Amino acid sequence: MSIDQTKQQVQSMYIEHHSWLQGWLRSKLGCSHQADDLAQDTFTRILAARKQTQINEPRAYLTTIAKGLLVKWFSGQRNQ
């Protein structure tokens, strides 16, 4: 998949699923500001990934990445 195709795919995913992802994260965190940050980090991770593939199940893919970010966030909170 070319870089242009990847950008287009991520842009489409962002338009179609960003609000859903924010809501999902907000339900887990109880904080809209932190949910906004982690939603943005999720899409940043996708753009930064070295291996670009066709994403057939965008919400499952986004959830998997966001769960990893939640784990890091919660462990960072525990250490503070």
Foldseek 3Di string as FASTA:
>chain_A
DDLVVLVVQLVVLCVVCLVVQLVVVCVVVVDSVVSNVLSVVLSVCSNPDPDHDDDPDSVVSSVVSSVVVVVVVVVVVVVD
